Amino acid sequence: MNEEFLPAGSVPHDDPAVERAMATIDGLEASEQRELLRSTCRAMLAFQRTKDVDHLVHFANNLLATIRLRGIPDYVEAVRSAPKDRVASGGSLDIDEVLNRLME
């Protein structure tokens, strides 16, 4: 195994949680993986341009939530079987619309 030189508190490359996250990401469709990379780039650039760490914190929290949800097979099936007329990635919905769709 290659030695990694990481700051104190860093998570190792082969951490079980990292492995689960990678397995979840591997299960995404190519377009979904692409959108995760797009979101990563947007957060990095926002931080680089503003030096506001909140961009990275919000991105990390959203990514963790996405990975947790996408690790639930029933959730993945519901997303994949949802009507295709939903808002495109990066779009937005009114909170009442989101709640209505969840109740369907």
PDB file of N, CA and C in Angstrom:
ATOM      1  N   MET A   1       0.838  -1.184   0.000  1.00  0.00           N
ATOM      2  CA  MET A   1       0.000   0.000   0.000  1.00  0.00           C
ATOM      3  C   MET A   1       0.885   1.250   0.000  1.00  0.00           C
ATOM      4  N   ASN A   2       0.523   2.225  -0.785  1.00  0.00           N
ATOM      5  CA  ASN A   2       1.266   3.481  -0.821  1.00  0.00           C
ATOM      6  C   ASN A   2       1.030   4.254   0.464  1.00  0.00           C
ATOM      7  N   GLU A   3       2.090   4.828   0.983  1.00  0.00           N
ATOM      8  CA  GLU A   3       1.957   5.680   2.146  1.00  0.00           C
ATOM      9  C   GLU A   3       1.361   7.014   1.709  1.00  0.00           C
ATOM     10  N   GLU A   4       0.386   7.461   2.446  1.00  0.00           N
ATOM     11  CA  GLU A   4      -0.204   8.764   2.176  1.00  0.00           C
ATOM     12  C   GLU A   4       0.258   9.732   3.258  1.00  0.00           C
ATOM     13  N   PHE A   5       0.593  10.924   2.859  1.00  0.00           N
ATOM     14  CA  PHE A   5       0.999  11.941   3.805  1.00  0.00           C
ATOM     15  C   PHE A   5      -0.120  12.969   3.867  1.00  0.00           C
ATOM     16  N   LEU A   6      -0.959  12.818   4.889  1.00  0.00           N
ATOM     17  CA  LEU A   6      -2.144  13.646   5.026  1.00  0.00           C
ATOM     18  C   LEU A   6      -2.093  14.426   6.332  1.00  0.00           C
ATOM     19  N   PRO A   7      -2.750  15.567   6.365  1.00  0.00           N
ATOM     20  CA  PRO A   7      -2.822  16.323   7.623  1.00  0.00           C
ATOM     21  C   PRO A   7      -3.583  15.514   8.683  1.00  0.00           C
ATOM     22  N   ALA A   8      -3.307  15.811   9.939  1.00  0.00           N
ATOM     23  CA  ALA A   8      -4.008  15.140  11.040  1.00  0.00           C
ATOM     24  C   ALA A   8      -5.516  15.282  10.855  1.00  0.00           C
ATOM     25  N   GLY A   9      -6.225  14.202  11.104  1.00  0.00           N
ATOM     26  CA  GLY A   9      -7.676  14.213  10.979  1.00  0.00           C
ATOM     27  C   GLY A   9      -8.183  13.841   9.601  1.00  0.00           C
ATOM     28  N   SER A  10      -7.295  13.693   8.632  1.00  0.00           N
ATOM     29  CA  SER A  10      -7.704  13.321   7.277  1.00  0.00           C
ATOM     30  C   SER A  10      -8.204  11.885   7.249  1.00  0.00           C
ATOM     31  N   VAL A  11      -9.087  11.605   6.314  1.00  0.00           N
ATOM     32  CA  VAL A  11      -9.637  10.266   6.137  1.00  0.00           C
ATOM     33  C   VAL A  11      -8.774   9.529   5.115  1.00  0.00           C
ATOM     34  N   PRO A  12      -8.358   8.296   5.433  1.00  0.00           N
ATOM     35  CA  PRO A  12      -7.512   7.561   4.493  1.00  0.00           C
ATOM     36  C   PRO A  12      -8.256   7.176   3.217  1.00  0.00           C
ATOM     37  N   HIS A  13      -7.489   6.945   2.185  1.00  0.00           N
ATOM     38  CA  HIS A  13      -7.999   6.590   0.862  1.00  0.00           C
ATOM     39  C   HIS A  13      -8.928   5.384   0.904  1.00  0.00           C
ATOM     40  N   ASP A  14      -8.600   4.406   1.743  1.00  0.00           N
ATOM     41  CA  ASP A  14      -9.357   3.153   1.790  1.00  0.00           C
ATOM     42  C   ASP A  14     -10.335   3.070   2.969  1.00  0.00           C
ATOM     43  N   ASP A  15     -10.711   4.196   3.532  1.00  0.00           N
ATOM     44  CA  ASP A  15     -11.682   4.225   4.625  1.00  0.00           C
ATOM     45  C   ASP A  15     -12.983   3.562   4.174  1.00  0.00           C
ATOM     46  N   PRO A  16     -13.615   2.740   5.004  1.00  0.00           N
ATOM     47  CA  PRO A  16     -14.860   2.061   4.603  1.00  0.00           C
ATOM     48  C   PRO A  16     -15.961   3.018   4.139  1.00  0.00           C
ATOM     49  N   ALA A  17     -16.073   4.179   4.763  1.00  0.00           N
ATOM     50  CA  ALA A  17     -17.093   5.140   4.332  1.00  0.00           C
ATOM     51  C   ALA A  17     -16.780   5.683   2.935  1.00  0.00           C
ATOM     52  N   VAL A  18     -15.508   5.864   2.644  1.00  0.00           N
ATOM     53  CA  VAL A  18     -15.101   6.308   1.310  1.00  0.00           C
ATOM     54  C   VAL A  18     -15.419   5.219   0.290  1.00  0.00           C
ATOM     55  N   GLU A  19     -15.138   3.983   0.647  1.00  0.00           N
ATOM     56  CA  GLU A  19     -15.429   2.860  -0.256  1.00  0.00           C
ATOM     57  C   GLU A  19     -16.927   2.760  -0.546  1.00  0.00           C
ATOM     58  N   ARG A  20     -17.769   2.938   0.501  1.00  0.00           N
ATOM     59  CA  ARG A  20     -19.227   2.912   0.282  1.00  0.00           C
ATOM     60  C   ARG A  20     -19.653   4.063  -0.624  1.00  0.00           C
ATOM     61  N   ALA A  21     -19.082   5.241  -0.404  1.00  0.00           N
ATOM     62  CA  ALA A  21     -19.415   6.398  -1.238  1.00  0.00           C
ATOM     63  C   ALA A  21     -19.018   6.142  -2.688  1.00  0.00           C
ATOM     64  N   MET A  22     -17.836   5.565  -2.889  1.00  0.00           N
ATOM     65  CA  MET A  22     -17.384   5.284  -4.253  1.00  0.00           C
ATOM     66  C   MET A  22     -18.291   4.264  -4.933  1.00  0.00           C
ATOM     67  N   ALA A  23     -18.724   3.261  -4.190  1.00  0.00           N
ATOM     68  CA  ALA A  23     -19.638   2.263  -4.755  1.00  0.00           C
ATOM     69  C   ALA A  23     -20.953   2.919  -5.150  1.00  0.00           C
ATOM     70  N   THR A  24     -21.424   3.842  -4.334  1.00  0.00           N
ATOM     71  CA  THR A  24     -22.662   4.564  -4.652  1.00  0.00           C
ATOM     72  C   THR A  24     -22.479   5.397  -5.920  1.00  0.00           C
ATOM     73  N   ILE A  25     -21.367   6.111  -6.008  1.00  0.00           N
ATOM     74  CA  ILE A  25     -21.105   6.946  -7.185  1.00  0.00           C
ATOM     75  C   ILE A  25     -20.942   6.081  -8.431  1.00  0.00           C
ATOM     76  N   ASP A  26     -20.306   4.924  -8.287  1.00  0.00           N
ATOM     77  CA  ASP A  26     -20.168   4.012  -9.422  1.00  0.00           C
ATOM     78  C   ASP A  26     -21.525   3.566  -9.948  1.00  0.00           C
ATOM     79  N   GLY A  27     -22.531   3.525  -9.073  1.00  0.00           N
ATOM     80  CA  GLY A  27     -23.875   3.107  -9.470  1.00  0.00           C
ATOM     81  C   GLY A  27     -24.699   4.194 -10.139  1.00  0.00           C
ATOM     82  N   LEU A  28     -24.198   5.420 -10.145  1.00  0.00           N
ATOM     83  CA  LEU A  28     -24.925   6.514 -10.791  1.00  0.00           C
ATOM     84  C   LEU A  28     -24.786   6.420 -12.302  1.00  0.00           C
ATOM     85  N   GLU A  29     -25.759   6.975 -12.981  1.00  0.00           N
ATOM     86  CA  GLU A  29     -25.663   7.072 -14.436  1.00  0.00           C
ATOM     87  C   GLU A  29     -24.571   8.081 -14.774  1.00  0.00           C
ATOM     88  N   ALA A  30     -24.029   7.977 -15.967  1.00  0.00           N
ATOM     89  CA  ALA A  30     -22.940   8.873 -16.381  1.00  0.00           C
ATOM     90  C   ALA A  30     -23.337  10.344 -16.261  1.00  0.00           C
ATOM     91  N   SER A  31     -24.565  10.674 -16.618  1.00  0.00           N
ATOM     92  CA  SER A  31     -25.009  12.076 -16.529  1.00  0.00           C
ATOM     93  C   SER A  31     -25.067  12.546 -15.076  1.00  0.00           C
ATOM     94  N   GLU A  32     -25.411  11.638 -14.159  1.00  0.00           N
ATOM     95  CA  GLU A  32     -25.446  11.994 -12.740  1.00  0.00           C
ATOM     96  C   GLU A  32     -24.025  12.183 -12.197  1.00  0.00           C
ATOM     97  N   GLN A  33     -23.114  11.323 -12.614  1.00  0.00           N
ATOM     98  CA  GLN A  33     -21.720  11.478 -12.209  1.00  0.00           C
ATOM     99  C   GLN A  33     -21.165  12.805 -12.718  1.00  0.00           C
ATOM    100  N   ARG A  34     -21.529  13.142 -13.938  1.00  0.00           N
ATOM    101  CA  ARG A  34     -21.074  14.401 -14.537  1.00  0.00           C
ATOM    102  C   ARG A  34     -21.575  15.602 -13.739  1.00  0.00           C
ATOM    103  N   GLU A  35     -22.824  15.533 -13.290  1.00  0.00           N
ATOM    104  CA  GLU A  35     -23.384  16.643 -12.508  1.00  0.00           C
ATOM    105  C   GLU A  35     -22.703  16.762 -11.145  1.00  0.00           C
ATOM    106  N   LEU A  36     -22.294  15.626 -10.562  1.00  0.00           N
ATOM    107  CA  LEU A  36     -21.534  15.698  -9.308  1.00  0.00           C
ATOM    108  C   LEU A  36     -20.198  16.397  -9.530  1.00  0.00           C
ATOM    109  N   LEU A  37     -19.548  16.082 -10.639  1.00  0.00           N
ATOM    110  CA  LEU A  37     -18.286  16.746 -10.953  1.00  0.00           C
ATOM    111  C   LEU A  37     -18.511  18.236 -11.215  1.00  0.00           C
ATOM    112  N   ARG A  38     -19.601  18.556 -11.915  1.00  0.00           N
ATOM    113  CA  ARG A  38     -19.922  19.971 -12.168  1.00  0.00           C
ATOM    114  C   ARG A  38     -20.124  20.715 -10.841  1.00  0.00           C
ATOM    115  N   SER A  39     -20.858  20.103  -9.919  1.00  0.00           N
ATOM    116  CA  SER A  39     -21.098  20.733  -8.613  1.00  0.00           C
ATOM    117  C   SER A  39     -19.802  20.892  -7.831  1.00  0.00           C
ATOM    118  N   THR A  40     -18.921  19.916  -7.939  1.00  0.00           N
ATOM    119  CA  THR A  40     -17.615  19.993  -7.285  1.00  0.00           C
ATOM    120  C   THR A  40     -16.828  21.183  -7.833  1.00  0.00           C
ATOM    121  N   CYS A  41     -16.788  21.305  -9.132  1.00  0.00           N
ATOM    122  CA  CYS A  41     -16.057  22.416  -9.765  1.00  0.00           C
ATOM    123  C   CYS A  41     -16.657  23.762  -9.371  1.00  0.00           C
ATOM    124  N   ARG A  42     -17.970  23.849  -9.338  1.00  0.00           N
ATOM    125  CA  ARG A  42     -18.628  25.108  -8.969  1.00  0.00           C
ATOM    126  C   ARG A  42     -18.268  25.512  -7.544  1.00  0.00           C
ATOM    127  N   ALA A  43     -18.275  24.530  -6.622  1.00  0.00           N
ATOM    128  CA  ALA A  43     -17.936  24.838  -5.232  1.00  0.00           C
ATOM    129  C   ALA A  43     -16.476  25.257  -5.103  1.00  0.00           C
ATOM    130  N   MET A  44     -15.588  24.553  -5.797  1.00  0.00           N
ATOM    131  CA  MET A  44     -14.159  24.890  -5.740  1.00  0.00           C
ATOM    132  C   MET A  44     -13.911  26.290  -6.293  1.00  0.00           C
ATOM    133  N   LEU A  45     -14.515  26.579  -7.430  1.00  0.00           N
ATOM    134  CA  LEU A  45     -14.306  27.894  -8.043  1.00  0.00           C
ATOM    135  C   LEU A  45     -14.913  29.016  -7.201  1.00  0.00           C
ATOM    136  N   ALA A  46     -16.081  28.753  -6.615  1.00  0.00           N
ATOM    137  CA  ALA A  46     -16.701  29.773  -5.759  1.00  0.00           C
ATOM    138  C   ALA A  46     -15.792  30.074  -4.567  1.00  0.00           C
ATOM    139  N   PHE A  47     -15.222  29.032  -3.977  1.00  0.00           N
ATOM    140  CA  PHE A  47     -14.300  29.240  -2.861  1.00  0.00           C
ATOM    141  C   PHE A  47     -13.043  29.980  -3.322  1.00  0.00           C
ATOM    142  N   GLN A  48     -12.490  29.539  -4.447  1.00  0.00           N
ATOM    143  CA  GLN A  48     -11.272  30.169  -4.958  1.00  0.00           C
ATOM    144  C   GLN A  48     -11.489  31.651  -5.230  1.00  0.00           C
ATOM    145  N   ARG A  49     -12.639  31.985  -5.759  1.00  0.00           N
ATOM    146  CA  ARG A  49     -12.908  33.383  -6.142  1.00  0.00           C
ATOM    147  C   ARG A  49     -13.312  34.256  -4.966  1.00  0.00           C
ATOM    148  N   THR A  50     -13.959  33.675  -3.949  1.00  0.00           N
ATOM    149  CA  THR A  50     -14.477  34.481  -2.839  1.00  0.00           C
ATOM    150  C   THR A  50     -13.736  34.265  -1.527  1.00  0.00           C
ATOM    151  N   LYS A  51     -13.013  33.155  -1.425  1.00  0.00           N
ATOM    152  CA  LYS A  51     -12.343  32.744  -0.180  1.00  0.00           C
ATOM    153  C   LYS A  51     -13.358  32.483   0.938  1.00  0.00           C
ATOM    154  N   ASP A  52     -14.624  32.290   0.587  1.00  0.00           N
ATOM    155  CA  ASP A  52     -15.684  31.983   1.545  1.00  0.00           C
ATOM    156  C   ASP A  52     -15.797  30.463   1.660  1.00  0.00           C
ATOM    157  N   VAL A  53     -15.366  29.924   2.793  1.00  0.00           N
ATOM    158  CA  VAL A  53     -15.337  28.483   3.000  1.00  0.00           C
ATOM    159  C   VAL A  53     -16.747  27.880   3.027  1.00  0.00           C
ATOM    160  N   ASP A  54     -17.762  28.702   3.228  1.00  0.00           N
ATOM    161  CA  ASP A  54     -19.137  28.188   3.251  1.00  0.00           C
ATOM    162  C   ASP A  54     -19.503  27.491   1.948  1.00  0.00           C
ATOM    163  N   HIS A  55     -18.930  27.901   0.835  1.00  0.00           N
ATOM    164  CA  HIS A  55     -19.193  27.213  -0.434  1.00  0.00           C
ATOM    165  C   HIS A  55     -18.792  25.742  -0.339  1.00  0.00           C
ATOM    166  N   LEU A  56     -17.644  25.488   0.259  1.00  0.00           N
ATOM    167  CA  LEU A  56     -17.160  24.116   0.400  1.00  0.00           C
ATOM    168  C   LEU A  56     -17.955  23.345   1.438  1.00  0.00           C
ATOM    169  N   VAL A  57     -18.314  24.012   2.520  1.00  0.00           N
ATOM    170  CA  VAL A  57     -19.089  23.360   3.583  1.00  0.00           C
ATOM    171  C   VAL A  57     -20.463  22.953   3.071  1.00  0.00           C
ATOM    172  N   HIS A  58     -21.138  23.850   2.377  1.00  0.00           N
ATOM    173  CA  HIS A  58     -22.473  23.530   1.841  1.00  0.00           C
ATOM    174  C   HIS A  58     -22.375  22.406   0.809  1.00  0.00           C
ATOM    175  N   PHE A  59     -21.367  22.470  -0.038  1.00  0.00           N
ATOM    176  CA  PHE A  59     -21.195  21.411  -1.030  1.00  0.00           C
ATOM    177  C   PHE A  59     -20.962  20.066  -0.344  1.00  0.00           C
ATOM    178  N   ALA A  60     -20.073  20.041   0.641  1.00  0.00           N
ATOM    179  CA  ALA A  60     -19.767  18.787   1.341  1.00  0.00           C
ATOM    180  C   ALA A  60     -21.027  18.214   2.001  1.00  0.00           C
ATOM    181  N   ASN A  61     -21.804  19.057   2.642  1.00  0.00           N
ATOM    182  CA  ASN A  61     -23.039  18.581   3.280  1.00  0.00           C
ATOM    183  C   ASN A  61     -24.032  18.046   2.254  1.00  0.00           C
ATOM    184  N   ASN A  62     -24.172  18.732   1.139  1.00  0.00           N
ATOM    185  CA  ASN A  62     -25.080  18.268   0.089  1.00  0.00           C
ATOM    186  C   ASN A  62     -24.593  16.955  -0.529  1.00  0.00           C
ATOM    187  N   LEU A  63     -23.292  16.847  -0.731  1.00  0.00           N
ATOM    188  CA  LEU A  63     -22.744  15.623  -1.308  1.00  0.00           C
ATOM    189  C   LEU A  63     -22.945  14.437  -0.366  1.00  0.00           C
ATOM    190  N   LEU A  64     -22.705  14.643   0.925  1.00  0.00           N
ATOM    191  CA  LEU A  64     -22.925  13.566   1.890  1.00  0.00           C
ATOM    192  C   LEU A  64     -24.384  13.116   1.896  1.00  0.00           C
ATOM    193  N   ALA A  65     -25.305  14.069   1.836  1.00  0.00           N
ATOM    194  CA  ALA A  65     -26.730  13.720   1.805  1.00  0.00           C
ATOM    195  C   ALA A  65     -27.067  12.956   0.529  1.00  0.00           C
ATOM    196  N   THR A  66     -26.528  13.393  -0.590  1.00  0.00           N
ATOM    197  CA  THR A  66     -26.769  12.706  -1.865  1.00  0.00           C
ATOM    198  C   THR A  66     -26.251  11.276  -1.819  1.00  0.00           C
ATOM    199  N   ILE A  67     -25.059  11.098  -1.303  1.00  0.00           N
ATOM    200  CA  ILE A  67     -24.465   9.766  -1.235  1.00  0.00           C
ATOM    201  C   ILE A  67     -25.283   8.863  -0.316  1.00  0.00           C
ATOM    202  N   ARG A  68     -25.722   9.411   0.810  1.00  0.00           N
ATOM    203  CA  ARG A  68     -26.548   8.594   1.719  1.00  0.00           C
ATOM    204  C   ARG A  68     -27.854   8.178   1.046  1.00  0.00           C
ATOM    205  N   LEU A  69     -28.530   9.135   0.417  1.00  0.00           N
ATOM    206  CA  LEU A  69     -29.792   8.813  -0.244  1.00  0.00           C
ATOM    207  C   LEU A  69     -29.592   7.830  -1.384  1.00  0.00           C
ATOM    208  N   ARG A  70     -28.570   8.061  -2.192  1.00  0.00           N
ATOM    209  CA  ARG A  70     -28.321   7.188  -3.340  1.00  0.00           C
ATOM    210  C   ARG A  70     -27.838   5.804  -2.929  1.00  0.00           C
ATOM    211  N   GLY A  71     -27.507   5.632  -1.672  1.00  0.00           N
ATOM    212  CA  GLY A  71     -27.143   4.328  -1.154  1.00  0.00           C
ATOM    213  C   GLY A  71     -28.353   3.512  -0.706  1.00  0.00           C
ATOM    214  N   ILE A  72     -29.540   4.103  -0.799  1.00  0.00           N
ATOM    215  CA  ILE A  72     -30.782   3.421  -0.421  1.00  0.00           C
ATOM    216  C   ILE A  72     -31.445   2.923  -1.695  1.00  0.00           C
ATOM    217  N   PRO A  73     -31.467   1.611  -1.922  1.00  0.00           N
ATOM    218  CA  PRO A  73     -32.010   1.067  -3.185  1.00  0.00           C
ATOM    219  C   PRO A  73     -33.425   1.537  -3.511  1.00  0.00           C
ATOM    220  N   ASP A  74     -34.312   1.623  -2.518  1.00  0.00           N
ATOM    221  CA  ASP A  74     -35.686   2.070  -2.782  1.00  0.00           C
ATOM    222  C   ASP A  74     -35.719   3.515  -3.268  1.00  0.00           C
ATOM    223  N   TYR A  75     -34.837   4.340  -2.720  1.00  0.00           N
ATOM    224  CA  TYR A  75     -34.758   5.739  -3.154  1.00  0.00           C
ATOM    225  C   TYR A  75     -34.297   5.807  -4.608  1.00  0.00           C
ATOM    226  N   VAL A  76     -33.270   5.034  -4.928  1.00  0.00           N
ATOM    227  CA  VAL A  76     -32.735   5.026  -6.297  1.00  0.00           C
ATOM    228  C   VAL A  76     -33.820   4.594  -7.276  1.00  0.00           C
ATOM    229  N   GLU A  77     -34.570   3.565  -6.924  1.00  0.00           N
ATOM    230  CA  GLU A  77     -35.646   3.084  -7.794  1.00  0.00           C
ATOM    231  C   GLU A  77     -36.728   4.150  -7.969  1.00  0.00           C
ATOM    232  N   ALA A  78     -37.074   4.829  -6.894  1.00  0.00           N
ATOM    233  CA  ALA A  78     -38.094   5.887  -6.977  1.00  0.00           C
ATOM    234  C   ALA A  78     -37.634   7.018  -7.884  1.00  0.00           C
ATOM    235  N   VAL A  79     -36.368   7.396  -7.773  1.00  0.00           N
ATOM    236  CA  VAL A  79     -35.831   8.469  -8.620  1.00  0.00           C
ATOM    237  C   VAL A  79     -35.838   8.041 -10.083  1.00  0.00           C
ATOM    238  N   ARG A  80     -35.396   6.823 -10.328  1.00  0.00           N
ATOM    239  CA  ARG A  80     -35.309   6.352 -11.715  1.00  0.00           C
ATOM    240  C   ARG A  80     -36.673   6.135 -12.344  1.00  0.00           C
ATOM    241  N   SER A  81     -37.681   5.808 -11.534  1.00  0.00           N
ATOM    242  CA  SER A  81     -39.011   5.560 -12.095  1.00  0.00           C
ATOM    243  C   SER A  81     -39.901   6.799 -12.064  1.00  0.00           C
ATOM    244  N   ALA A  82     -39.370   7.908 -11.558  1.00  0.00           N
ATOM    245  CA  ALA A  82     -40.148   9.156 -11.497  1.00  0.00           C
ATOM    246  C   ALA A  82     -40.428   9.663 -12.906  1.00  0.00           C
ATOM    247  N   PRO A  83     -41.532  10.387 -13.070  1.00  0.00           N
ATOM    248  CA  PRO A  83     -41.841  10.966 -14.386  1.00  0.00           C
ATOM    249  C   PRO A  83     -40.677  11.805 -14.893  1.00  0.00           C
ATOM    250  N   LYS A  84     -40.440  11.749 -16.165  1.00  0.00           N
ATOM    251  CA  LYS A  84     -39.290  12.444 -16.766  1.00  0.00           C
ATOM    252  C   LYS A  84     -39.540  13.928 -17.001  1.00  0.00           C
ATOM    253  N   ASP A  85     -40.715  14.428 -16.638  1.00  0.00           N
ATOM    254  CA  ASP A  85     -41.003  15.847 -16.832  1.00  0.00           C
ATOM    255  C   ASP A  85     -40.560  16.686 -15.639  1.00  0.00           C
ATOM    256  N   ARG A  86     -39.725  16.096 -14.775  1.00  0.00           N
ATOM    257  CA  ARG A  86     -39.272  16.844 -13.612  1.00  0.00           C
ATOM    258  C   ARG A  86     -38.271  17.920 -14.035  1.00  0.00           C
ATOM    259  N   VAL A  87     -37.958  18.814 -13.115  1.00  0.00           N
ATOM    260  CA  VAL A  87     -37.040  19.916 -13.377  1.00  0.00           C
ATOM    261  C   VAL A  87     -35.652  19.362 -13.665  1.00  0.00           C
ATOM    262  N   ALA A  88     -34.994  19.932 -14.648  1.00  0.00           N
ATOM    263  CA  ALA A  88     -33.641  19.493 -15.023  1.00  0.00           C
ATOM    264  C   ALA A  88     -32.658  19.758 -13.891  1.00  0.00           C
ATOM    265  N   SER A  89     -31.550  19.027 -13.910  1.00  0.00           N
ATOM    266  CA  SER A  89     -30.520  19.209 -12.919  1.00  0.00           C
ATOM    267  C   SER A  89     -30.088  20.671 -12.893  1.00  0.00           C
ATOM    268  N   GLY A  90     -29.952  21.200 -11.709  1.00  0.00           N
ATOM    269  CA  GLY A  90     -29.572  22.596 -11.563  1.00  0.00           C
ATOM    270  C   GLY A  90     -30.765  23.527 -11.530  1.00  0.00           C
ATOM    271  N   GLY A  91     -31.956  23.007 -11.868  1.00  0.00           N
ATOM    272  CA  GLY A  91     -33.170  23.811 -11.815  1.00  0.00           C
ATOM    273  C   GLY A  91     -33.670  23.903 -10.390  1.00  0.00           C
ATOM    274  N   SER A  92     -34.770  24.586 -10.209  1.00  0.00           N
ATOM    275  CA  SER A  92     -35.307  24.702  -8.863  1.00  0.00           C
ATOM    276  C   SER A  92     -36.816  24.520  -8.888  1.00  0.00           C
ATOM    277  N   LEU A  93     -37.318  24.094  -7.759  1.00  0.00           N
ATOM    278  CA  LEU A  93     -38.746  23.903  -7.572  1.00  0.00           C
ATOM    279  C   LEU A  93     -39.174  24.647  -6.314  1.00  0.00           C
ATOM    280  N   ASP A  94     -40.400  25.065  -6.293  1.00  0.00           N
ATOM    281  CA  ASP A  94     -40.998  25.637  -5.108  1.00  0.00           C
ATOM    282  C   ASP A  94     -41.107  24.526  -4.066  1.00  0.00           C
ATOM    283  N   ILE A  95     -40.911  24.838  -2.799  1.00  0.00           N
ATOM    284  CA  ILE A  95     -40.945  23.820  -1.751  1.00  0.00           C
ATOM    285  C   ILE A  95     -42.279  23.087  -1.709  1.00  0.00           C
ATOM    286  N   ASP A  96     -43.385  23.787  -1.977  1.00  0.00           N
ATOM    287  CA  ASP A  96     -44.691  23.118  -2.001  1.00  0.00           C
ATOM    288  C   ASP A  96     -44.761  22.095  -3.123  1.00  0.00           C
ATOM    289  N   GLU A  97     -44.131  22.415  -4.254  1.00  0.00           N
ATOM    290  CA  GLU A  97     -44.096  21.467  -5.373  1.00  0.00           C
ATOM    291  C   GLU A  97     -43.286  20.228  -5.003  1.00  0.00           C
ATOM    292  N   VAL A  98     -42.182  20.426  -4.310  1.00  0.00           N
ATOM    293  CA  VAL A  98     -41.373  19.290  -3.873  1.00  0.00           C
ATOM    294  C   VAL A  98     -42.174  18.406  -2.933  1.00  0.00           C
ATOM    295  N   LEU A  99     -42.847  19.005  -1.967  1.00  0.00           N
ATOM    296  CA  LEU A  99     -43.650  18.227  -1.027  1.00  0.00           C
ATOM    297  C   LEU A  99     -44.773  17.492  -1.721  1.00  0.00           C
ATOM    298  N   ASN A 100     -45.427  18.148  -2.669  1.00  0.00           N
ATOM    299  CA  ASN A 100     -46.494  17.482  -3.429  1.00  0.00           C
ATOM    300  C   ASN A 100     -45.959  16.280  -4.189  1.00  0.00           C
ATOM    301  N   ARG A 101     -44.796  16.422  -4.808  1.00  0.00           N
ATOM    302  CA  ARG A 101     -44.216  15.307  -5.560  1.00  0.00           C
ATOM    303  C   ARG A 101     -43.818  14.162  -4.648  1.00  0.00           C
ATOM    304  N   LEU A 102     -43.343  14.490  -3.463  1.00  0.00           N
ATOM    305  CA  LEU A 102     -42.966  13.440  -2.517  1.00  0.00           C
ATOM    306  C   LEU A 102     -44.188  12.679  -2.005  1.00  0.00           C
ATOM    307  N   MET A 103     -45.315  13.350  -1.941  1.00  0.00           N
ATOM    308  CA  MET A 103     -46.534  12.714  -1.448  1.00  0.00           C
ATOM    309  C   MET A 103     -47.224  11.859  -2.482  1.00  0.00           C
ATOM    310  N   GLU A 104     -46.853  11.978  -3.749  1.00  0.00           N
ATOM    311  CA  GLU A 104     -47.484  11.203  -4.832  1.00  0.00           C
ATOM    312  C   GLU A 104     -47.197   9.735  -4.697  1.00  0.00           C
TER     313      GLU A 104
END
